[in-house]
N, C-alpha and C. Protein backbone atom coordinates (compact mmCIF):
# COMPACT_ATOMS: atom_id res chain seq x y z
N UNK A 1 154.11 64.03 53.77
CA UNK A 1 152.98 64.04 52.85
C UNK A 1 151.70 64.24 53.66
N UNK A 2 150.89 65.16 53.21
CA UNK A 2 149.61 65.44 53.86
C UNK A 2 148.49 64.79 53.05
N UNK A 3 147.65 64.03 53.74
CA UNK A 3 146.53 63.38 53.06
C UNK A 3 145.26 64.19 53.22
N UNK A 4 144.51 64.29 52.16
CA UNK A 4 143.20 64.92 52.22
C UNK A 4 142.27 63.97 52.97
N UNK A 5 141.63 64.42 54.06
CA UNK A 5 140.78 63.53 54.86
C UNK A 5 139.66 62.86 54.06
N UNK A 6 139.04 63.58 53.14
CA UNK A 6 137.95 63.00 52.35
C UNK A 6 138.48 61.90 51.42
N UNK A 7 139.62 62.18 50.77
CA UNK A 7 140.20 61.18 49.88
C UNK A 7 140.64 59.94 50.67
N UNK A 8 141.18 60.17 51.87
CA UNK A 8 141.60 59.05 52.72
C UNK A 8 140.40 58.20 53.10
N UNK A 9 139.31 58.86 53.49
CA UNK A 9 138.09 58.12 53.86
C UNK A 9 137.55 57.33 52.67
N UNK A 10 137.54 57.96 51.49
CA UNK A 10 137.08 57.27 50.28
C UNK A 10 137.96 56.05 49.97
N UNK A 11 139.27 56.20 50.13
CA UNK A 11 140.18 55.08 49.88
C UNK A 11 139.93 53.94 50.86
N UNK A 12 139.70 54.27 52.12
CA UNK A 12 139.38 53.23 53.11
C UNK A 12 138.08 52.52 52.76
N UNK A 13 137.15 53.25 52.16
CA UNK A 13 135.86 52.67 51.76
C UNK A 13 135.97 51.63 50.67
N UNK A 14 137.12 51.56 50.01
CA UNK A 14 137.33 50.56 48.97
C UNK A 14 137.58 49.17 49.57
N UNK A 15 137.70 49.11 50.90
CA UNK A 15 137.85 47.83 51.59
C UNK A 15 136.48 47.39 52.08
N UNK A 16 135.90 46.34 51.50
CA UNK A 16 134.57 45.90 51.94
C UNK A 16 134.60 45.39 53.38
N UNK A 17 133.58 45.74 54.14
CA UNK A 17 133.50 45.30 55.54
C UNK A 17 132.09 44.80 55.84
N UNK A 18 131.97 44.19 56.97
CA UNK A 18 130.67 43.91 57.54
C UNK A 18 130.27 45.11 58.38
N UNK A 19 129.10 45.03 58.99
CA UNK A 19 128.61 46.11 59.84
C UNK A 19 128.27 45.53 61.20
N UNK A 20 128.68 46.24 62.24
CA UNK A 20 128.34 45.83 63.60
C UNK A 20 127.61 46.95 64.32
N UNK A 21 126.86 46.57 65.34
CA UNK A 21 126.33 47.51 66.32
C UNK A 21 126.92 47.09 67.66
N UNK A 22 127.55 48.04 68.33
CA UNK A 22 128.17 47.79 69.63
C UNK A 22 127.30 48.45 70.69
N UNK A 23 126.99 47.72 71.75
CA UNK A 23 126.09 48.22 72.79
C UNK A 23 126.73 48.09 74.17
N UNK A 24 126.33 49.00 75.05
CA UNK A 24 126.78 49.00 76.45
C UNK A 24 125.76 49.80 77.25
N UNK A 25 126.05 50.00 78.51
CA UNK A 25 125.23 50.87 79.35
C UNK A 25 126.08 52.03 79.83
N UNK A 26 125.45 53.22 79.94
CA UNK A 26 126.18 54.36 80.48
C UNK A 26 126.17 54.28 82.01
N UNK A 27 126.78 55.26 82.67
CA UNK A 27 126.91 55.22 84.13
C UNK A 27 125.56 55.29 84.83
N UNK A 28 124.53 55.78 84.14
CA UNK A 28 123.18 55.84 84.72
C UNK A 28 122.37 54.58 84.41
N UNK A 29 122.97 53.62 83.72
CA UNK A 29 122.27 52.39 83.40
C UNK A 29 121.45 52.44 82.13
N UNK A 30 121.57 53.53 81.36
CA UNK A 30 120.83 53.67 80.10
C UNK A 30 121.59 52.96 78.98
N UNK A 31 120.87 52.18 78.15
CA UNK A 31 121.56 51.51 77.04
C UNK A 31 122.01 52.51 75.98
N UNK A 32 123.21 52.28 75.47
CA UNK A 32 123.77 53.10 74.39
C UNK A 32 124.31 52.16 73.32
N UNK A 33 124.47 52.69 72.12
CA UNK A 33 125.02 51.86 71.06
C UNK A 33 125.47 52.69 69.88
N UNK A 34 126.30 52.08 69.06
CA UNK A 34 126.84 52.76 67.88
C UNK A 34 127.07 51.74 66.78
N UNK A 35 126.91 52.19 65.55
CA UNK A 35 127.26 51.38 64.39
C UNK A 35 128.77 51.49 64.18
N UNK A 36 129.40 50.36 63.90
CA UNK A 36 130.85 50.38 63.67
C UNK A 36 131.21 49.34 62.61
N UNK A 37 132.05 49.74 61.67
CA UNK A 37 132.61 48.74 60.76
C UNK A 37 134.10 48.55 61.02
N UNK A 38 134.57 49.17 62.10
CA UNK A 38 135.97 49.03 62.51
C UNK A 38 136.11 47.86 63.48
N UNK A 39 135.66 46.69 63.08
CA UNK A 39 135.66 45.50 63.92
C UNK A 39 136.67 44.50 63.37
N UNK A 40 137.41 43.85 64.26
CA UNK A 40 138.37 42.84 63.82
C UNK A 40 138.68 41.87 64.94
N UNK A 41 139.10 40.68 64.56
CA UNK A 41 139.61 39.73 65.54
C UNK A 41 141.03 40.15 65.91
N UNK A 42 141.43 39.83 67.13
CA UNK A 42 142.79 40.13 67.60
C UNK A 42 143.52 38.84 67.95
N UNK A 43 142.86 37.97 68.71
CA UNK A 43 143.52 36.78 69.23
C UNK A 43 142.49 35.66 69.41
N UNK A 44 142.93 34.43 69.16
CA UNK A 44 142.09 33.27 69.42
C UNK A 44 142.23 32.78 70.86
N UNK A 45 143.44 32.93 71.43
CA UNK A 45 143.67 32.47 72.79
C UNK A 45 144.58 33.46 73.51
N UNK A 46 144.01 34.33 74.32
CA UNK A 46 142.60 34.39 74.69
C UNK A 46 141.76 34.98 73.55
N UNK A 47 140.44 34.76 73.58
CA UNK A 47 139.59 35.29 72.51
C UNK A 47 139.41 36.80 72.65
N UNK A 48 140.04 37.56 71.75
CA UNK A 48 139.99 39.02 71.79
C UNK A 48 139.52 39.57 70.46
N UNK A 49 138.74 40.64 70.51
CA UNK A 49 138.29 41.37 69.33
C UNK A 49 138.54 42.85 69.58
N UNK A 50 138.47 43.64 68.51
CA UNK A 50 138.61 45.09 68.68
C UNK A 50 137.62 45.82 67.81
N UNK A 51 137.36 47.05 68.20
CA UNK A 51 136.58 48.00 67.41
C UNK A 51 137.04 49.37 67.85
N UNK A 52 136.67 50.41 67.13
CA UNK A 52 137.08 51.75 67.53
C UNK A 52 135.88 52.68 67.58
N UNK A 53 135.94 53.61 68.53
CA UNK A 53 134.87 54.58 68.73
C UNK A 53 135.45 55.98 68.58
N UNK A 54 134.74 56.84 67.85
CA UNK A 54 135.18 58.23 67.67
C UNK A 54 135.09 58.98 68.99
N UNK A 55 136.07 59.80 69.25
CA UNK A 55 136.07 60.61 70.48
C UNK A 55 134.93 61.61 70.48
N UNK A 56 134.34 61.87 69.32
CA UNK A 56 133.23 62.83 69.22
C UNK A 56 131.87 62.15 69.30
N UNK A 57 131.83 60.83 69.39
CA UNK A 57 130.55 60.10 69.43
C UNK A 57 129.81 60.40 70.73
N UNK A 58 128.48 60.49 70.64
CA UNK A 58 127.66 60.73 71.83
C UNK A 58 127.87 59.67 72.90
N UNK A 59 128.15 58.45 72.48
CA UNK A 59 128.30 57.33 73.41
C UNK A 59 129.74 57.11 73.85
N UNK A 60 130.65 57.99 73.46
CA UNK A 60 132.07 57.83 73.77
C UNK A 60 132.33 57.62 75.26
N UNK A 61 131.80 58.50 76.10
CA UNK A 61 132.05 58.40 77.54
C UNK A 61 131.51 57.09 78.11
N UNK A 62 130.35 56.67 77.64
CA UNK A 62 129.77 55.41 78.12
C UNK A 62 130.70 54.24 77.82
N UNK A 63 131.23 54.19 76.61
CA UNK A 63 132.12 53.08 76.25
C UNK A 63 133.46 53.16 76.98
N UNK A 64 133.91 54.36 77.30
CA UNK A 64 135.17 54.49 78.04
C UNK A 64 135.04 53.96 79.47
N UNK A 65 133.83 54.00 80.00
CA UNK A 65 133.61 53.56 81.39
C UNK A 65 132.99 52.17 81.48
N UNK A 66 132.49 51.66 80.37
CA UNK A 66 131.80 50.36 80.39
C UNK A 66 132.79 49.22 80.66
N UNK A 67 132.40 48.36 81.56
CA UNK A 67 133.21 47.16 81.83
C UNK A 67 132.79 46.00 80.92
N UNK A 68 131.54 46.06 80.42
CA UNK A 68 131.02 45.02 79.54
C UNK A 68 130.31 45.66 78.35
N UNK A 69 130.39 45.01 77.21
CA UNK A 69 129.70 45.48 76.01
C UNK A 69 129.42 44.28 75.11
N UNK A 70 128.60 44.50 74.10
CA UNK A 70 128.29 43.45 73.13
C UNK A 70 128.50 43.98 71.72
N UNK A 71 129.03 43.13 70.87
CA UNK A 71 129.20 43.45 69.46
C UNK A 71 128.27 42.54 68.68
N UNK A 72 127.38 43.15 67.89
CA UNK A 72 126.42 42.41 67.07
C UNK A 72 126.80 42.57 65.61
N UNK A 73 127.14 41.49 64.94
CA UNK A 73 127.34 41.54 63.50
C UNK A 73 125.95 41.48 62.87
N UNK A 74 125.65 42.48 62.04
CA UNK A 74 124.30 42.58 61.48
C UNK A 74 124.13 41.69 60.26
N UNK A 75 122.88 41.25 60.04
CA UNK A 75 122.57 40.46 58.86
C UNK A 75 121.98 41.36 57.77
N UNK A 76 121.82 40.79 56.59
CA UNK A 76 121.44 41.58 55.42
C UNK A 76 120.10 42.29 55.55
N UNK A 77 119.25 41.87 56.46
CA UNK A 77 117.95 42.53 56.65
C UNK A 77 117.97 43.64 57.68
N UNK A 78 119.16 44.06 58.11
CA UNK A 78 119.25 45.04 59.20
C UNK A 78 119.87 46.37 58.82
N UNK A 79 119.73 46.76 57.58
CA UNK A 79 120.24 48.07 57.18
C UNK A 79 119.62 49.18 58.02
N UNK A 80 118.32 49.04 58.34
CA UNK A 80 117.64 50.05 59.16
C UNK A 80 118.25 50.14 60.56
N UNK A 81 118.67 49.02 61.14
CA UNK A 81 119.31 49.03 62.46
C UNK A 81 120.67 49.71 62.37
N UNK A 82 121.41 49.42 61.32
CA UNK A 82 122.70 50.07 61.10
C UNK A 82 122.53 51.58 61.02
N UNK A 83 121.54 52.02 60.24
CA UNK A 83 121.30 53.46 60.10
C UNK A 83 120.86 54.09 61.42
N UNK A 84 119.99 53.41 62.17
CA UNK A 84 119.52 53.92 63.46
C UNK A 84 120.69 54.15 64.42
N UNK A 85 121.56 53.17 64.55
CA UNK A 85 122.66 53.29 65.50
C UNK A 85 123.77 54.21 65.00
N UNK A 86 123.71 54.63 63.74
CA UNK A 86 124.66 55.60 63.21
C UNK A 86 124.20 57.03 63.44
N UNK A 87 122.97 57.21 63.93
CA UNK A 87 122.43 58.55 64.17
C UNK A 87 122.71 59.00 65.59
N UNK A 88 122.35 60.25 65.87
CA UNK A 88 122.47 60.79 67.22
C UNK A 88 121.14 60.68 67.96
N UNK A 89 120.25 59.82 67.46
CA UNK A 89 118.95 59.56 68.10
C UNK A 89 119.16 59.31 69.59
N UNK A 90 118.32 59.96 70.41
CA UNK A 90 118.48 59.87 71.87
C UNK A 90 118.23 58.46 72.39
N UNK A 91 117.13 57.84 72.01
CA UNK A 91 116.82 56.50 72.51
C UNK A 91 116.73 55.52 71.35
N UNK A 92 117.86 54.95 71.01
CA UNK A 92 117.92 54.02 69.88
C UNK A 92 117.25 52.68 70.18
N UNK A 93 117.00 52.41 71.45
CA UNK A 93 116.46 51.12 71.85
C UNK A 93 114.93 51.13 72.00
N UNK A 94 114.29 52.29 71.83
CA UNK A 94 112.86 52.44 72.11
C UNK A 94 111.98 51.43 71.38
N UNK A 95 112.25 51.17 70.13
CA UNK A 95 111.39 50.29 69.34
C UNK A 95 112.07 48.98 68.95
N UNK A 96 113.07 48.58 69.72
CA UNK A 96 113.81 47.35 69.43
C UNK A 96 113.55 46.29 70.49
N UNK A 97 113.66 45.04 70.08
CA UNK A 97 113.63 43.95 71.06
C UNK A 97 115.06 43.76 71.55
N UNK A 98 115.24 43.89 72.86
CA UNK A 98 116.55 43.69 73.45
C UNK A 98 116.38 43.26 74.90
N UNK A 99 117.43 42.76 75.47
CA UNK A 99 117.44 42.35 76.86
C UNK A 99 118.86 42.53 77.39
N UNK A 100 119.05 42.29 78.68
CA UNK A 100 120.37 42.48 79.29
C UNK A 100 121.09 41.15 79.44
N UNK A 101 122.40 41.20 79.25
CA UNK A 101 123.23 40.03 79.54
C UNK A 101 123.34 39.89 81.06
N UNK A 102 123.90 38.79 81.51
CA UNK A 102 124.12 38.58 82.95
C UNK A 102 125.00 39.69 83.53
N UNK A 103 125.86 40.29 82.69
CA UNK A 103 126.74 41.37 83.14
C UNK A 103 126.12 42.75 82.93
N UNK A 104 124.92 42.81 82.36
CA UNK A 104 124.23 44.08 82.20
C UNK A 104 124.36 44.74 80.85
N UNK A 105 125.07 44.14 79.90
CA UNK A 105 125.19 44.75 78.57
C UNK A 105 123.89 44.55 77.79
N UNK A 106 123.44 45.58 77.06
CA UNK A 106 122.24 45.42 76.23
C UNK A 106 122.53 44.46 75.07
N UNK A 107 121.64 43.49 74.88
CA UNK A 107 121.78 42.51 73.80
C UNK A 107 120.61 42.64 72.85
N UNK A 108 120.90 42.88 71.58
CA UNK A 108 119.85 42.92 70.58
C UNK A 108 119.35 41.50 70.34
N UNK A 109 118.04 41.35 70.17
CA UNK A 109 117.46 40.03 69.97
C UNK A 109 117.73 39.49 68.57
N UNK A 110 117.92 40.38 67.60
CA UNK A 110 118.12 39.99 66.21
C UNK A 110 119.54 40.34 65.79
N UNK A 111 120.26 39.39 65.22
CA UNK A 111 121.66 39.59 64.83
C UNK A 111 122.10 38.41 63.98
N UNK A 112 123.27 38.50 63.39
CA UNK A 112 123.88 37.37 62.70
C UNK A 112 124.82 36.64 63.66
N UNK A 113 125.73 37.40 64.26
CA UNK A 113 126.64 36.88 65.28
C UNK A 113 126.72 37.91 66.39
N UNK A 114 126.82 37.43 67.63
CA UNK A 114 126.94 38.36 68.76
C UNK A 114 128.07 37.89 69.67
N UNK A 115 128.90 38.85 70.08
CA UNK A 115 129.98 38.61 71.03
C UNK A 115 129.71 39.42 72.29
N UNK A 116 129.68 38.75 73.43
CA UNK A 116 129.55 39.44 74.72
C UNK A 116 130.95 39.55 75.29
N UNK A 117 131.35 40.79 75.60
CA UNK A 117 132.75 41.07 75.93
C UNK A 117 132.90 41.85 77.23
N UNK A 118 134.09 41.75 77.79
CA UNK A 118 134.52 42.67 78.84
C UNK A 118 135.64 43.52 78.26
N UNK A 119 135.75 44.75 78.72
CA UNK A 119 136.78 45.64 78.21
C UNK A 119 138.14 45.17 78.71
N UNK A 120 139.02 44.84 77.78
CA UNK A 120 140.36 44.34 78.10
C UNK A 120 141.37 45.49 78.12
N UNK A 121 141.34 46.33 77.07
CA UNK A 121 142.27 47.46 76.95
C UNK A 121 141.65 48.56 76.10
N UNK A 122 142.11 49.78 76.33
CA UNK A 122 141.75 50.94 75.53
C UNK A 122 143.06 51.56 75.04
N UNK A 123 143.11 51.89 73.75
CA UNK A 123 144.31 52.47 73.17
C UNK A 123 143.96 53.74 72.41
N UNK A 124 144.83 54.74 72.50
CA UNK A 124 144.69 55.95 71.70
C UNK A 124 144.88 55.59 70.24
N UNK A 125 144.06 56.17 69.39
CA UNK A 125 144.18 55.95 67.95
C UNK A 125 143.76 57.19 67.20
N UNK A 126 144.50 58.29 67.38
CA UNK A 126 144.15 59.54 66.70
C UNK A 126 142.84 60.09 67.21
N UNK A 127 141.86 60.26 66.31
CA UNK A 127 140.57 60.81 66.72
C UNK A 127 139.61 59.73 67.22
N UNK A 128 140.11 58.52 67.39
CA UNK A 128 139.33 57.39 67.91
C UNK A 128 140.05 56.75 69.11
N UNK A 129 139.32 55.94 69.83
CA UNK A 129 139.89 55.06 70.85
C UNK A 129 139.66 53.63 70.35
N UNK A 130 140.70 52.83 70.40
CA UNK A 130 140.60 51.43 70.02
C UNK A 130 140.23 50.64 71.27
N UNK A 131 139.12 49.93 71.19
CA UNK A 131 138.61 49.15 72.32
C UNK A 131 138.88 47.68 72.05
N UNK A 132 139.64 47.05 72.93
CA UNK A 132 139.89 45.62 72.83
C UNK A 132 139.02 44.93 73.86
N UNK A 133 138.25 43.95 73.39
CA UNK A 133 137.35 43.22 74.27
C UNK A 133 137.69 41.75 74.35
N UNK A 134 137.55 41.20 75.55
CA UNK A 134 137.70 39.75 75.75
C UNK A 134 136.32 39.13 75.60
N UNK A 135 136.20 38.18 74.70
CA UNK A 135 134.92 37.54 74.43
C UNK A 135 134.66 36.46 75.48
N UNK A 136 133.48 36.57 76.13
CA UNK A 136 133.08 35.59 77.14
C UNK A 136 131.95 34.69 76.65
N UNK A 137 131.11 35.21 75.78
CA UNK A 137 129.99 34.44 75.22
C UNK A 137 129.88 34.79 73.75
N UNK A 138 129.40 33.83 72.97
CA UNK A 138 129.24 34.04 71.53
C UNK A 138 127.97 33.32 71.09
N UNK A 139 127.20 33.97 70.24
CA UNK A 139 125.99 33.37 69.68
C UNK A 139 126.03 33.55 68.17
N UNK A 140 125.70 32.50 67.44
CA UNK A 140 125.75 32.53 65.97
C UNK A 140 124.41 32.09 65.41
N UNK A 141 123.88 32.88 64.48
CA UNK A 141 122.69 32.51 63.72
C UNK A 141 123.10 32.50 62.25
N UNK A 142 122.65 31.53 61.53
CA UNK A 142 123.03 31.43 60.11
C UNK A 142 122.23 32.45 59.30
N UNK A 143 122.86 33.54 58.93
CA UNK A 143 122.23 34.62 58.16
C UNK A 143 123.23 35.16 57.15
N UNK A 144 122.72 35.77 56.09
CA UNK A 144 123.60 36.50 55.18
C UNK A 144 124.02 37.79 55.86
N UNK A 145 125.32 38.13 55.83
CA UNK A 145 125.78 39.34 56.51
C UNK A 145 125.42 40.62 55.74
N UNK A 146 125.36 41.71 56.48
CA UNK A 146 125.19 43.03 55.88
C UNK A 146 126.58 43.56 55.56
N UNK A 147 126.78 43.98 54.32
CA UNK A 147 128.08 44.49 53.91
C UNK A 147 128.07 46.00 53.70
N UNK A 148 129.27 46.57 53.63
CA UNK A 148 129.44 48.00 53.38
C UNK A 148 130.65 48.17 52.47
N UNK A 149 130.46 48.94 51.37
CA UNK A 149 131.52 49.11 50.39
C UNK A 149 131.36 50.46 49.70
N UNK A 150 132.42 51.24 49.70
CA UNK A 150 132.43 52.57 49.07
C UNK A 150 131.26 53.44 49.53
N UNK A 151 131.00 53.41 50.83
CA UNK A 151 129.97 54.28 51.41
C UNK A 151 128.55 53.81 51.22
N UNK A 152 128.37 52.58 50.74
CA UNK A 152 127.02 52.06 50.50
C UNK A 152 126.89 50.66 51.09
N UNK A 153 125.65 50.33 51.44
CA UNK A 153 125.37 48.97 51.88
C UNK A 153 125.50 48.04 50.69
N UNK A 154 126.01 46.85 50.95
CA UNK A 154 126.28 45.92 49.86
C UNK A 154 125.89 44.51 50.26
N UNK A 155 125.54 43.74 49.26
CA UNK A 155 125.25 42.31 49.49
C UNK A 155 126.57 41.55 49.39
N UNK A 156 126.79 40.69 50.36
CA UNK A 156 127.98 39.84 50.33
C UNK A 156 127.56 38.48 49.79
N UNK A 157 128.11 38.12 48.65
CA UNK A 157 127.76 36.87 48.00
C UNK A 157 128.78 35.81 48.40
N UNK A 158 128.26 34.71 48.91
CA UNK A 158 129.16 33.63 49.38
C UNK A 158 129.07 32.46 48.43
């Protein structure tokens, strides 16, 4: 059976998700980042999470070589940040408050939850690479999360 790619994408969109921004540094030390809703927990012990990056993404090579990265779960007031990191904008960090972790990963100052990770494994996943990260640090701020459903930003009611 052959699936129509657009119909498949639309069907996947029926699963509500949160939104993350994943950040790292490229080989030249420049911060890079991407919006991703392909985020999930993998293991509690050891603490592992995963996300996937498209092989066509501008930041693909940076994430393939990065030893450390950060995953920021966005809050409901950060739709603009989600949109910014979903673009091919050259310098996504120009007008943002951010700093470096002890390992050098770019950390956004504003977030709902942030995981500081080291790259544990990379797996082939069709037109994406699945990145498994070991969580070394975690920060939590009590905020309403930013949701995504059927191709649109959504409010998650708790």
